[in-house]
Amino acid sequence: MTEPRALDERPVGDVPTGGSRLYPRVTSFRSRRGALTEPQQASWDRLWPTVGRDVADEPLDADAWFGRSAPLVLEIGSGTGTAALAMAAAEPHVNLVAVEVYRPGIAQTVQGIERAGLTNLRILRGDAADVLENMVASRSLTAVRVFFPDPWPKARHHKRRLLKASTFALIADRLLPGGVLHVATDHADYAEWIAEIGDAESALTRLPFDVDTRTVEGSPVSVDRPVTKFEDKANRVDRAVTEFVWTPSA
């Protein structure tokens, strides 16, 4: 599964000044601290003012941030950036915004952006629910990607799961007609939960995912993602990965 969501230096509920909303409520990520290495900090200092910003209560002007108009894709919970970096490199015509809270993971993504010279990947640091609710306009996203979200397996923690009815409804509203929501999980119980709740959302229609060719007919963006280290661990213990793709209902 995705690297556990984390809060680095701030406790839950500590909202910075200036309108930024890093961790304002009960979230779908875990609390964990982590320091940057010297090379990570150096890369952060060079690139963060350009490629990154904190989640805030203000609309996201993606065209201004990227300096161009292009299909906008949101990846929620990008971890160390394995998928975001590879998919941004494979689709230079797409503007990709990765959302993550764990600063060392974000720093690895920043390093990857610098090494590859990517110009079509940006990072929002904070809660993805805030991004969807407060920063992204209705009918503005070509795709939303959620790869290996924390399954919160204990029943008493299910309320923390990111993919619940309200989130599906919100994503459905934010997607453009013909856009896609692409989800992957290696947790069997969460897969059943995701399938049931996603299929129950009337504003979304499930599309067939071809496992062999890793394609979805009619998808405006690629659904062929790289294997993350967490997926590799799942493969080694024969834990099946389930993928779903939905599009807004006609």
C-alpha atoms as a PDB file:
ATOM      1  CA  MET A   1       0.000   0.000   0.000  1.00  0.00           C
ATOM      2  CA  THR A   2       1.027   3.615  -0.195  1.00  0.00           C
ATOM      3  CA  GLU A   3       3.554   4.826   2.327  1.00  0.00           C
ATOM      4  CA  PRO A   4       1.605   5.768   5.476  1.00  0.00           C
ATOM      5  CA  ARG A   5       0.348   9.291   5.291  1.00  0.00           C
ATOM      6  CA  ALA A   6       2.213  11.511   7.667  1.00  0.00           C
ATOM      7  CA  LEU A   7       2.301  14.800   9.462  1.00  0.00           C
ATOM      8  CA  ASP A   8       5.865  15.922   9.799  1.00  0.00           C
ATOM      9  CA  GLU A   9       6.560  18.750  12.233  1.00  0.00           C
ATOM     10  CA  ARG A  10       2.987  19.871  13.016  1.00  0.00           C
ATOM     11  CA  PRO A  11       0.396  18.175  15.205  1.00  0.00           C
ATOM     12  CA  VAL A  12      -3.051  17.479  13.843  1.00  0.00           C
ATOM     13  CA  GLY A  13      -5.170  20.593  13.926  1.00  0.00           C
ATOM     14  CA  ASP A  14      -2.262  23.040  13.857  1.00  0.00           C
ATOM     15  CA  VAL A  15      -3.241  25.233  10.936  1.00  0.00           C
ATOM     16  CA  PRO A  16      -0.516  27.620   9.734  1.00  0.00           C
ATOM     17  CA  THR A  17      -1.265  31.290   9.202  1.00  0.00           C
ATOM     18  CA  GLY A  18      -1.852  32.808   5.797  1.00  0.00           C
ATOM     19  CA  GLY A  19      -4.800  30.634   4.847  1.00  0.00           C
ATOM     20  CA  SER A  20      -2.813  27.424   4.416  1.00  0.00           C
ATOM     21  CA  ARG A  21      -4.607  24.208   5.359  1.00  0.00           C
ATOM     22  CA  LEU A  22      -2.128  21.399   5.944  1.00  0.00           C
ATOM     23  CA  TYR A  23      -3.880  19.227   8.530  1.00  0.00           C
ATOM     24  CA  PRO A  24      -7.117  20.843   9.714  1.00  0.00           C
ATOM     25  CA  ARG A  25      -9.267  17.811  10.617  1.00  0.00           C
ATOM     26  CA  VAL A  26      -9.512  14.070  11.070  1.00  0.00           C
ATOM     27  CA  THR A  27      -7.623  12.825   8.043  1.00  0.00           C
ATOM     28  CA  SER A  28      -7.078   9.676   6.016  1.00  0.00           C
ATOM     29  CA  PHE A  29      -3.337   9.643   6.724  1.00  0.00           C
ATOM     30  CA  ARG A  30      -1.186   8.573   9.655  1.00  0.00           C
ATOM     31  CA  SER A  31       1.019  10.807  11.772  1.00  0.00           C
ATOM     32  CA  ARG A  32       4.744  10.349  11.228  1.00  0.00           C
ATOM     33  CA  ARG A  33       7.808  12.557  11.400  1.00  0.00           C
ATOM     34  CA  GLY A  34      10.778  12.625   9.066  1.00  0.00           C
ATOM     35  CA  ALA A  35      13.797  14.830   8.458  1.00  0.00           C
ATOM     36  CA  LEU A  36      15.317  15.653   5.085  1.00  0.00           C
ATOM     37  CA  THR A  37      18.825  14.670   4.071  1.00  0.00           C
ATOM     38  CA  GLU A  38      21.182  17.466   3.073  1.00  0.00           C
ATOM     39  CA  PRO A  39      20.782  16.716  -0.673  1.00  0.00           C
ATOM     40  CA  GLN A  40      16.996  16.607  -0.277  1.00  0.00           C
ATOM     41  CA  GLN A  41      16.987  19.936   1.538  1.00  0.00           C
ATOM     42  CA  ALA A  42      19.210  21.494  -1.108  1.00  0.00           C
ATOM     43  CA  SER A  43      16.930  20.299  -3.901  1.00  0.00           C
ATOM     44  CA  TRP A  44      13.894  21.491  -1.926  1.00  0.00           C
ATOM     45  CA  ASP A  45      15.407  24.958  -1.499  1.00  0.00           C
ATOM     46  CA  ARG A  46      16.102  25.227  -5.225  1.00  0.00           C
ATOM     47  CA  LEU A  47      12.803  23.928  -6.614  1.00  0.00           C
ATOM     48  CA  TRP A  48      10.035  24.173  -4.017  1.00  0.00           C
ATOM     49  CA  PRO A  49       9.212  27.852  -4.714  1.00  0.00           C
ATOM     50  CA  THR A  50       8.480  26.846  -8.312  1.00  0.00           C
ATOM     51  CA  VAL A  51       7.063  23.310  -8.151  1.00  0.00           C
ATOM     52  CA  GLY A  52       5.428  23.190  -4.712  1.00  0.00           C
ATOM     53  CA  ARG A  53       3.024  24.948  -2.411  1.00  0.00           C
ATOM     54  CA  ASP A  54       0.926  24.202   0.653  1.00  0.00           C
ATOM     55  CA  VAL A  55      -2.766  23.452   0.408  1.00  0.00           C
ATOM     56  CA  ALA A  56      -4.737  26.665   0.949  1.00  0.00           C
ATOM     57  CA  ASP A  57      -8.280  28.031   0.910  1.00  0.00           C
ATOM     58  CA  GLU A  58      -7.958  29.495  -2.543  1.00  0.00           C
ATOM     59  CA  PRO A  59      -8.808  28.228  -6.036  1.00  0.00           C
ATOM     60  CA  LEU A  60      -6.014  26.487  -7.897  1.00  0.00           C
ATOM     61  CA  ASP A  61      -5.011  28.372 -11.052  1.00  0.00           C
ATOM     62  CA  ALA A  62      -3.258  25.497 -12.775  1.00  0.00           C
ATOM     63  CA  ASP A  63      -2.715  27.323 -16.061  1.00  0.00           C
ATOM     64  CA  ALA A  64      -0.818  30.092 -14.278  1.00  0.00           C
ATOM     65  CA  TRP A  65       1.181  27.662 -12.138  1.00  0.00           C
ATOM     66  CA  PHE A  66       2.290  25.546 -15.089  1.00  0.00           C
ATOM     67  CA  GLY A  67       2.523  28.451 -17.482  1.00  0.00           C
ATOM     68  CA  ARG A  68       0.292  26.716 -20.012  1.00  0.00           C
ATOM     69  CA  SER A  69      -3.155  25.249 -20.554  1.00  0.00           C
ATOM     70  CA  ALA A  70      -3.201  21.445 -20.641  1.00  0.00           C
ATOM     71  CA  PRO A  71      -5.264  18.484 -19.388  1.00  0.00           C
ATOM     72  CA  LEU A  72      -5.108  18.553 -15.581  1.00  0.00           C
ATOM     73  CA  VAL A  73      -4.542  15.355 -13.607  1.00  0.00           C
ATOM     74  CA  LEU A  74      -4.590  15.059  -9.810  1.00  0.00           C
ATOM     75  CA  GLU A  75      -2.760  12.238  -8.040  1.00  0.00           C
ATOM     76  CA  ILE A  76      -3.826  11.822  -4.415  1.00  0.00           C
ATOM     77  CA  GLY A  77      -1.260  10.385  -2.006  1.00  0.00           C
ATOM     78  CA  SER A  78       1.802  10.404  -4.254  1.00  0.00           C
ATOM     79  CA  GLY A  79       4.172   9.031  -1.585  1.00  0.00           C
ATOM     80  CA  THR A  80       7.758   9.257  -2.809  1.00  0.00           C
ATOM     81  CA  GLY A  81       6.608  10.110  -6.320  1.00  0.00           C
ATOM     82  CA  THR A  82       7.227   6.804  -8.100  1.00  0.00           C
ATOM     83  CA  ALA A  83       4.026   6.935 -10.149  1.00  0.00           C
ATOM     84  CA  ALA A  84       3.851  10.708 -10.490  1.00  0.00           C
ATOM     85  CA  LEU A  85       7.379  11.031 -11.857  1.00  0.00           C
ATOM     86  CA  ALA A  86       7.064   8.156 -14.322  1.00  0.00           C
ATOM     87  CA  MET A  87       3.627   9.136 -15.577  1.00  0.00           C
ATOM     88  CA  ALA A  88       4.527  12.811 -15.902  1.00  0.00           C
ATOM     89  CA  ALA A  89       7.577  11.851 -17.964  1.00  0.00           C
ATOM     90  CA  ALA A  90       5.457   9.561 -20.159  1.00  0.00           C
ATOM     91  CA  GLU A  91       2.784  12.228 -20.762  1.00  0.00           C
ATOM     92  CA  PRO A  92       4.505  15.595 -21.225  1.00  0.00           C
ATOM     93  CA  HIS A  93       1.289  17.038 -22.683  1.00  0.00           C
ATOM     94  CA  VAL A  94      -0.468  16.608 -19.302  1.00  0.00           C
ATOM     95  CA  ASN A  95      -0.263  18.906 -16.260  1.00  0.00           C
ATOM     96  CA  LEU A  96       0.029  16.655 -13.194  1.00  0.00           C
ATOM     97  CA  VAL A  97      -0.501  17.840  -9.618  1.00  0.00           C
ATOM     98  CA  ALA A  98       0.563  15.395  -6.904  1.00  0.00           C
ATOM     99  CA  VAL A  99      -0.908  15.744  -3.407  1.00  0.00           C
ATOM    100  CA  GLU A 100       1.057  14.433  -0.411  1.00  0.00           C
ATOM    101  CA  VAL A 101       1.706  15.323   3.239  1.00  0.00           C
ATOM    102  CA  TYR A 102       4.916  13.444   4.105  1.00  0.00           C
ATOM    103  CA  ARG A 103       7.729  15.945   3.590  1.00  0.00           C
ATOM    104  CA  PRO A 104      10.593  13.452   3.005  1.00  0.00           C
ATOM    105  CA  GLY A 105       8.440  11.714   0.402  1.00  0.00           C
ATOM    106  CA  ILE A 106       7.698  15.034  -1.252  1.00  0.00           C
ATOM    107  CA  ALA A 107      11.422  15.843  -1.142  1.00  0.00           C
ATOM    108  CA  GLN A 108      12.180  12.643  -3.075  1.00  0.00           C
ATOM    109  CA  THR A 109       9.645  13.737  -5.670  1.00  0.00           C
ATOM    110  CA  VAL A 110      11.262  17.164  -5.873  1.00  0.00           C
ATOM    111  CA  GLN A 111      14.644  15.499  -6.418  1.00  0.00           C
ATOM    112  CA  GLY A 112      13.114  13.376  -9.170  1.00  0.00           C
ATOM    113  CA  ILE A 113      11.670  16.443 -10.863  1.00  0.00           C
ATOM    114  CA  GLU A 114      15.087  18.089 -10.776  1.00  0.00           C
ATOM    115  CA  ARG A 115      16.958  15.024 -12.073  1.00  0.00           C
ATOM    116  CA  ALA A 116      14.524  14.457 -14.936  1.00  0.00           C
ATOM    117  CA  GLY A 117      14.034  18.119 -15.757  1.00  0.00           C
ATOM    118  CA  LEU A 118      10.257  17.721 -15.644  1.00  0.00           C
ATOM    119  CA  THR A 119       8.203  20.845 -16.245  1.00  0.00           C
ATOM    120  CA  ASN A 120       4.723  19.280 -16.051  1.00  0.00           C
ATOM    121  CA  LEU A 121       4.648  18.091 -12.427  1.00  0.00           C
ATOM    122  CA  ARG A 122       3.684  20.184  -9.403  1.00  0.00           C
ATOM    123  CA  ILE A 123       3.131  19.246  -5.748  1.00  0.00           C
ATOM    124  CA  LEU A 124       0.538  20.309  -3.185  1.00  0.00           C
ATOM    125  CA  ARG A 125       1.445  19.585   0.424  1.00  0.00           C
ATOM    126  CA  GLY A 126      -1.574  18.893   2.609  1.00  0.00           C
ATOM    127  CA  ASP A 127      -4.920  17.125   2.816  1.00  0.00           C
ATOM    128  CA  ALA A 128      -6.334  15.965  -0.528  1.00  0.00           C
ATOM    129  CA  ALA A 129      -9.889  16.385   0.760  1.00  0.00           C
ATOM    130  CA  ASP A 130      -9.203  20.107   1.133  1.00  0.00           C
ATOM    131  CA  VAL A 131      -7.775  20.220  -2.371  1.00  0.00           C
ATOM    132  CA  LEU A 132     -10.903  18.645  -3.834  1.00  0.00           C
ATOM    133  CA  GLU A 133     -13.285  20.757  -1.765  1.00  0.00           C
ATOM    134  CA  ASN A 134     -11.598  24.153  -1.793  1.00  0.00           C
ATOM    135  CA  MET A 135      -9.038  24.367  -4.586  1.00  0.00           C
ATOM    136  CA  VAL A 136     -10.349  22.424  -7.578  1.00  0.00           C
ATOM    137  CA  ALA A 137     -13.271  23.713  -9.625  1.00  0.00           C
ATOM    138  CA  SER A 138     -16.186  21.631 -10.838  1.00  0.00           C
ATOM    139  CA  ARG A 139     -15.564  19.994 -14.233  1.00  0.00           C
ATOM    140  CA  SER A 140     -11.882  20.914 -14.281  1.00  0.00           C
ATOM    141  CA  LEU A 141      -9.981  17.613 -13.968  1.00  0.00           C
ATOM    142  CA  THR A 142      -9.179  15.229 -16.783  1.00  0.00           C
ATOM    143  CA  ALA A 143      -8.238  12.494 -14.320  1.00  0.00           C
ATOM    144  CA  VAL A 144      -7.879  11.683 -10.636  1.00  0.00           C
ATOM    145  CA  ARG A 145      -5.451   8.948  -9.544  1.00  0.00           C
ATOM    146  CA  VAL A 146      -5.528   7.232  -6.161  1.00  0.00           C
ATOM    147  CA  PHE A 147      -2.897   4.512  -5.908  1.00  0.00           C
ATOM    148  CA  PHE A 148      -2.712   2.313  -2.799  1.00  0.00           C
ATOM    149  CA  PRO A 149      -4.455   4.558  -0.267  1.00  0.00           C
ATOM    150  CA  ASP A 150      -4.160   3.579   3.389  1.00  0.00           C
ATOM    151  CA  PRO A 151      -6.810   0.854   3.921  1.00  0.00           C
ATOM    152  CA  TRP A 152      -7.370   1.580   7.614  1.00  0.00           C
ATOM    153  CA  PRO A 153      -8.286  -2.109   8.076  1.00  0.00           C
ATOM    154  CA  LYS A 154      -9.818  -1.954  11.569  1.00  0.00           C
ATOM    155  CA  ALA A 155     -13.569  -1.354  11.504  1.00  0.00           C
ATOM    156  CA  ARG A 156     -13.355   1.491  14.006  1.00  0.00           C
ATOM    157  CA  HIS A 157     -10.981   3.302  11.633  1.00  0.00           C
ATOM    158  CA  HIS A 158     -13.082   2.940   8.469  1.00  0.00           C
ATOM    159  CA  LYS A 159     -14.283   6.516   8.908  1.00  0.00           C
ATOM    160  CA  ARG A 160     -10.724   7.576   8.069  1.00  0.00           C
ATOM    161  CA  ARG A 161     -10.741   5.883   4.683  1.00  0.00           C
ATOM    162  CA  LEU A 162     -10.237   8.366   1.889  1.00  0.00           C
ATOM    163  CA  LEU A 163     -12.491   6.627  -0.599  1.00  0.00           C
ATOM    164  CA  LYS A 164     -15.970   6.913   0.843  1.00  0.00           C
ATOM    165  CA  ALA A 165     -19.287   8.027  -0.599  1.00  0.00           C
ATOM    166  CA  SER A 166     -18.677  11.750  -0.124  1.00  0.00           C
ATOM    167  CA  THR A 167     -15.269  11.547  -1.817  1.00  0.00           C
ATOM    168  CA  PHE A 168     -16.614   9.659  -4.814  1.00  0.00           C
ATOM    169  CA  ALA A 169     -19.369  12.264  -5.216  1.00  0.00           C
ATOM    170  CA  LEU A 170     -16.845  15.104  -4.975  1.00  0.00           C
ATOM    171  CA  ILE A 171     -14.500  13.535  -7.520  1.00  0.00           C
ATOM    172  CA  ALA A 172     -17.401  12.891  -9.884  1.00  0.00           C
ATOM    173  CA  ASP A 173     -18.243  16.603  -9.747  1.00  0.00           C
ATOM    174  CA  ARG A 174     -14.629  17.675 -10.339  1.00  0.00           C
ATOM    175  CA  LEU A 175     -14.077  15.449 -13.383  1.00  0.00           C
ATOM    176  CA  LEU A 176     -14.659  16.709 -16.882  1.00  0.00           C
ATOM    177  CA  PRO A 177     -17.075  14.718 -19.060  1.00  0.00           C
ATOM    178  CA  GLY A 178     -15.045  11.803 -20.375  1.00  0.00           C
ATOM    179  CA  GLY A 179     -12.505  12.112 -17.537  1.00  0.00           C
ATOM    180  CA  VAL A 180     -11.479   9.169 -15.372  1.00  0.00           C
ATOM    181  CA  LEU A 181     -10.968   8.186 -11.759  1.00  0.00           C
ATOM    182  CA  HIS A 182      -8.259   5.501 -11.549  1.00  0.00           C
ATOM    183  CA  VAL A 183      -7.893   3.604  -8.272  1.00  0.00           C
ATOM    184  CA  ALA A 184      -5.543   0.773  -7.280  1.00  0.00           C
ATOM    185  CA  THR A 185      -5.372  -1.149  -3.993  1.00  0.00           C
ATOM    186  CA  ASP A 186      -3.703  -4.312  -2.723  1.00  0.00           C
ATOM    187  CA  HIS A 187      -6.076  -4.702   0.241  1.00  0.00           C
ATOM    188  CA  ALA A 188      -8.916  -7.156  -0.500  1.00  0.00           C
ATOM    189  CA  ASP A 189     -11.414  -5.754   2.009  1.00  0.00           C
ATOM    190  CA  TYR A 190     -10.775  -2.190   0.881  1.00  0.00           C
ATOM    191  CA  ALA A 191     -11.166  -3.292  -2.749  1.00  0.00           C
ATOM    192  CA  GLU A 192     -14.646  -4.616  -1.955  1.00  0.00           C
ATOM    193  CA  TRP A 193     -15.457  -1.380  -0.107  1.00  0.00           C
ATOM    194  CA  ILE A 194     -14.204   0.734  -3.025  1.00  0.00           C
ATOM    195  CA  ALA A 195     -16.128  -1.290  -5.606  1.00  0.00           C
ATOM    196  CA  GLU A 196     -19.378  -1.144  -3.661  1.00  0.00           C
ATOM    197  CA  ILE A 197     -19.265   2.563  -2.872  1.00  0.00           C
ATOM    198  CA  GLY A 198     -17.867   3.634  -6.238  1.00  0.00           C
ATOM    199  CA  ASP A 199     -20.466   1.667  -8.180  1.00  0.00           C
ATOM    200  CA  ALA A 200     -23.207   3.087  -5.947  1.00  0.00           C
ATOM    201  CA  GLU A 201     -22.323   6.645  -7.012  1.00  0.00           C
ATOM    202  CA  SER A 202     -24.846   7.417  -9.743  1.00  0.00           C
ATOM    203  CA  ALA A 203     -22.665  10.170 -11.192  1.00  0.00           C
ATOM    204  CA  LEU A 204     -19.976   7.613 -12.080  1.00  0.00           C
ATOM    205  CA  THR A 205     -19.890   4.642 -14.448  1.00  0.00           C
ATOM    206  CA  ARG A 206     -17.291   1.884 -14.166  1.00  0.00           C
ATOM    207  CA  LEU A 207     -15.146   1.242 -17.256  1.00  0.00           C
ATOM    208  CA  PRO A 208     -13.533  -2.134 -18.032  1.00  0.00           C
ATOM    209  CA  PHE A 209      -9.846  -2.238 -17.127  1.00  0.00           C
ATOM    210  CA  ASP A 210      -7.822  -4.546 -19.409  1.00  0.00           C
ATOM    211  CA  VAL A 211      -5.280  -6.097 -17.043  1.00  0.00           C
ATOM    212  CA  ASP A 212      -3.204  -7.650 -19.844  1.00  0.00           C
ATOM    213  CA  THR A 213      -2.740  -4.501 -21.917  1.00  0.00           C
ATOM    214  CA  ARG A 214      -3.160  -2.101 -18.981  1.00  0.00           C
ATOM    215  CA  THR A 215      -5.523   0.040 -20.980  1.00  0.00           C
ATOM    216  CA  VAL A 216      -9.041   1.430 -20.642  1.00  0.00           C
ATOM    217  CA  GLU A 217     -10.873   2.109 -23.869  1.00  0.00           C
ATOM    218  CA  GLY A 218     -11.633   5.780 -24.239  1.00  0.00           C
ATOM    219  CA  SER A 219      -9.461   7.003 -21.347  1.00  0.00           C
ATOM    220  CA  PRO A 220      -8.032  10.473 -22.072  1.00  0.00           C
ATOM    221  CA  VAL A 221      -4.850   9.648 -20.123  1.00  0.00           C
ATOM    222  CA  SER A 222      -2.701   6.586 -19.614  1.00  0.00           C
ATOM    223  CA  VAL A 223      -3.718   4.060 -16.947  1.00  0.00           C
ATOM    224  CA  ASP A 224      -0.395   2.226 -17.276  1.00  0.00           C
ATOM    225  CA  ARG A 225       1.393   3.044 -14.043  1.00  0.00           C
ATOM    226  CA  PRO A 226       4.765   1.860 -12.723  1.00  0.00           C
ATOM    227  CA  VAL A 227       5.051  -0.768  -9.990  1.00  0.00           C
ATOM    228  CA  THR A 228       5.675   0.925  -6.650  1.00  0.00           C
ATOM    229  CA  LYS A 229       7.791  -0.625  -3.900  1.00  0.00           C
ATOM    230  CA  PHE A 230       4.626  -1.346  -1.922  1.00  0.00           C
ATOM    231  CA  GLU A 231       3.062  -3.115  -4.891  1.00  0.00           C
ATOM    232  CA  ASP A 232       6.264  -5.101  -5.334  1.00  0.00           C
ATOM    233  CA  LYS A 233       5.982  -6.246  -1.713  1.00  0.00           C
ATOM    234  CA  ALA A 234       2.371  -7.257  -2.351  1.00  0.00           C
ATOM    235  CA  ASN A 235       3.405  -9.242  -5.414  1.00  0.00           C
ATOM    236  CA  ARG A 236       6.061 -11.122  -3.460  1.00  0.00           C
ATOM    237  CA  VAL A 237       3.461 -12.386  -0.981  1.00  0.00           C
ATOM    238  CA  ASP A 238       0.853 -13.059  -3.691  1.00  0.00           C
ATOM    239  CA  ARG A 239      -1.422 -10.260  -2.530  1.00  0.00           C
ATOM    240  CA  ALA A 240      -3.605  -9.336  -5.485  1.00  0.00           C
ATOM    241  CA  VAL A 241      -3.764  -5.776  -6.763  1.00  0.00           C
ATOM    242  CA  THR A 242      -7.210  -4.601  -7.863  1.00  0.00           C
ATOM    243  CA  GLU A 243      -7.689  -1.628 -10.178  1.00  0.00           C
ATOM    244  CA  PHE A 244     -10.813   0.364 -10.953  1.00  0.00           C
ATOM    245  CA  VAL A 245     -11.573   3.074 -13.480  1.00  0.00           C
ATOM    246  CA  TRP A 246     -14.731   5.200 -13.427  1.00  0.00           C
ATOM    247  CA  THR A 247     -15.901   7.999 -15.696  1.00  0.00           C
ATOM    248  CA  PRO A 248     -18.672  10.564 -15.151  1.00  0.00           C
ATOM    249  CA  SER A 249     -22.041   9.156 -16.146  1.00  0.00           C
ATOM    250  CA  ALA A 250     -23.565  10.537 -19.316  1.00  0.00           C
END
